[in-house]
Amino acid sequence: MSDQKSTETIMLRGALVPSLIVGVIAIAISSIFAGLPGFLGGLIAQFVVIIYFAIHIGVSRIARNLDPMSTMALAVFSYFAKLLFLGVFLYLLSAFTSRESINRTTFGVTAIALTFAWLGGEIASFMKLRIHLPLPETNPKK
């Protein structure tokens, strides 16, 4: 096994650390201001956001060696599947839980804060990778 970590592992760690920090802070603040429903709203938001974005990194790891058409098909399928499952999850959350048991405002604010933290961490870790992309060869005219 190589000592060098994959780009996906580096990006996952770079995104996970700030997301967990923001998540813990958001859950603590939510618990203070909204009690147990705030705690549950923040906790569920953290679970949803981390799973949602971790799947994206997992798909990019799977698609690493695929041809461009297969990669695009896998990405489109992944986005639609995540959107469908997120919609179903939010429907089930609103249909089978009461507003008194899970604070919806806390869920939404925490999910947005975690999304910004995840994307910021992922972008920062990607910028540190310094991946060299192959440039097309230039053929000077003769």
Protein backbone atom coordinates (compact mmCIF):
# COMPACT_ATOMS: atom_id res chain seq x y z
CA MET A 1 0.00 0.00 0.00
CA SER A 2 1.30 3.43 -0.90
CA ASP A 3 1.99 6.12 1.70
CA GLN A 4 0.42 8.75 -0.53
CA LYS A 5 -3.26 9.32 0.19
CA SER A 6 -5.80 9.57 -2.59
CA THR A 7 -7.13 12.98 -3.52
CA GLU A 8 -10.60 11.90 -2.41
CA THR A 9 -9.32 10.96 1.06
CA ILE A 10 -7.55 14.31 1.41
CA MET A 11 -10.64 16.20 0.27
CA LEU A 12 -12.89 14.16 2.56
CA ARG A 13 -10.71 14.90 5.56
CA GLY A 14 -10.40 18.56 4.56
CA ALA A 15 -14.17 18.90 4.36
CA LEU A 16 -15.08 16.69 7.31
CA VAL A 17 -13.03 18.51 9.94
CA PRO A 18 -14.60 21.98 9.50
CA SER A 19 -18.03 20.41 9.09
CA LEU A 20 -17.73 18.52 12.36
CA ILE A 21 -16.49 21.63 14.17
CA VAL A 22 -19.34 23.77 12.80
CA GLY A 23 -21.79 20.93 13.49
CA VAL A 24 -20.79 20.59 17.13
CA ILE A 25 -20.99 24.35 17.63
CA ALA A 26 -24.38 24.53 15.88
CA ILE A 27 -25.75 21.62 17.90
CA ALA A 28 -24.55 23.22 21.15
CA ILE A 29 -26.09 26.60 20.28
CA SER A 30 -29.31 24.91 19.11
CA SER A 31 -29.51 22.94 22.34
CA ILE A 32 -29.09 26.07 24.42
CA PHE A 33 -31.73 28.08 22.57
CA ALA A 34 -34.22 25.38 21.53
CA GLY A 35 -33.60 22.54 23.97
CA LEU A 36 -34.00 18.92 22.91
CA PRO A 37 -35.87 19.73 19.66
CA GLY A 38 -32.99 22.04 18.68
CA PHE A 39 -30.46 19.36 19.53
CA LEU A 40 -32.30 16.81 17.38
CA GLY A 41 -32.74 19.27 14.50
CA GLY A 42 -29.01 20.08 14.50
CA LEU A 43 -28.00 16.44 14.84
CA ILE A 44 -30.21 15.32 11.96
CA ALA A 45 -28.95 18.19 9.81
CA GLN A 46 -25.36 17.19 10.47
CA PHE A 47 -26.11 13.58 9.57
CA VAL A 48 -27.90 14.54 6.34
CA VAL A 49 -25.28 17.01 5.13
CA ILE A 50 -22.29 14.77 5.86
CA ILE A 51 -23.88 11.73 4.21
CA TYR A 52 -25.02 13.79 1.22
CA PHE A 53 -21.58 15.23 0.49
CA ALA A 54 -19.62 12.09 1.44
CA ILE A 55 -21.56 10.21 -1.23
CA HIS A 56 -20.36 12.78 -3.77
CA ILE A 57 -16.71 12.13 -2.86
CA GLY A 58 -17.35 8.38 -2.95
CA VAL A 59 -18.80 8.62 -6.44
CA SER A 60 -15.81 10.64 -7.62
CA ARG A 61 -13.53 7.93 -6.25
CA ILE A 62 -15.45 5.26 -8.14
CA ALA A 63 -15.44 7.31 -11.34
CA ARG A 64 -11.74 8.10 -11.19
CA ASN A 65 -10.72 5.64 -13.91
CA LEU A 66 -13.89 5.64 -15.98
CA ASP A 67 -14.22 7.16 -19.40
CA PRO A 68 -15.82 10.63 -19.56
CA MET A 69 -19.25 9.40 -20.72
CA SER A 70 -19.49 6.87 -17.89
CA THR A 71 -18.30 9.47 -15.40
CA MET A 72 -20.98 11.90 -16.54
CA ALA A 73 -23.68 9.22 -16.41
CA LEU A 74 -22.61 8.21 -12.90
CA ALA A 75 -22.52 11.85 -11.75
CA VAL A 76 -25.98 12.61 -13.15
CA PHE A 77 -27.40 9.43 -11.62
CA SER A 78 -25.75 10.30 -8.30
CA TYR A 79 -27.21 13.83 -8.27
CA PHE A 80 -30.72 12.65 -9.13
CA ALA A 81 -30.58 9.82 -6.58
CA LYS A 82 -29.35 12.16 -3.83
CA LEU A 83 -32.02 14.73 -4.72
CA LEU A 84 -34.73 12.04 -4.67
CA PHE A 85 -33.57 10.58 -1.35
CA LEU A 86 -33.25 14.05 0.19
CA GLY A 87 -36.78 14.90 -0.91
CA VAL A 88 -38.13 11.62 0.48
CA PHE A 89 -36.22 12.16 3.73
CA LEU A 90 -37.56 15.69 4.16
CA TYR A 91 -41.09 14.51 3.37
CA LEU A 92 -40.83 11.72 5.94
CA LEU A 93 -39.35 14.12 8.46
CA SER A 94 -42.24 16.56 8.07
CA ALA A 95 -44.93 13.88 7.81
CA PHE A 96 -43.93 11.69 10.74
CA THR A 97 -42.43 14.10 13.25
CA SER A 98 -44.03 16.99 15.03
CA ARG A 99 -42.65 20.50 15.17
CA GLU A 100 -42.35 20.10 18.92
CA SER A 101 -40.00 17.10 18.61
CA ILE A 102 -37.60 18.43 15.93
CA ASN A 103 -36.99 22.14 15.48
CA ARG A 104 -37.25 22.85 11.72
CA THR A 105 -35.51 26.23 11.94
CA THR A 106 -32.53 24.68 13.70
CA PHE A 107 -32.42 21.93 11.09
CA GLY A 108 -32.40 24.43 8.23
CA VAL A 109 -29.87 26.87 9.70
CA THR A 110 -27.54 24.05 10.73
CA ALA A 111 -27.79 22.39 7.31
CA ILE A 112 -26.92 25.66 5.56
CA ALA A 113 -23.99 26.37 7.91
CA LEU A 114 -22.69 22.83 7.47
CA THR A 115 -23.01 23.07 3.70
CA PHE A 116 -20.86 26.21 3.67
CA ALA A 117 -18.33 24.61 6.03
CA TRP A 118 -18.15 21.43 3.94
CA LEU A 119 -17.77 23.24 0.63
CA GLY A 120 -15.20 25.66 2.08
CA GLY A 121 -13.16 22.80 3.53
CA GLU A 122 -13.39 20.80 0.31
CA ILE A 123 -12.31 23.78 -1.81
CA ALA A 124 -9.44 24.61 0.56
CA SER A 125 -8.16 21.03 0.56
CA PHE A 126 -8.47 20.81 -3.23
CA MET A 127 -6.46 24.02 -3.67
CA LYS A 128 -3.68 22.53 -1.51
CA LEU A 129 -3.46 19.39 -3.66
CA ARG A 130 -1.74 21.16 -6.56
CA ILE A 131 -2.94 18.62 -9.09
CA HIS A 132 -1.17 18.95 -12.39
CA LEU A 133 -3.59 18.46 -15.22
CA PRO A 134 -2.19 17.39 -18.55
CA LEU A 135 -2.28 20.20 -21.06
CA PRO A 136 -3.01 19.48 -24.69
CA GLU A 137 0.04 19.29 -26.88
CA THR A 138 0.64 22.27 -29.09
CA ASN A 139 1.77 21.52 -32.59
CA PRO A 140 3.44 24.54 -34.13
CA LYS A 141 2.53 25.16 -37.73
CA LYS A 142 5.30 24.33 -40.14
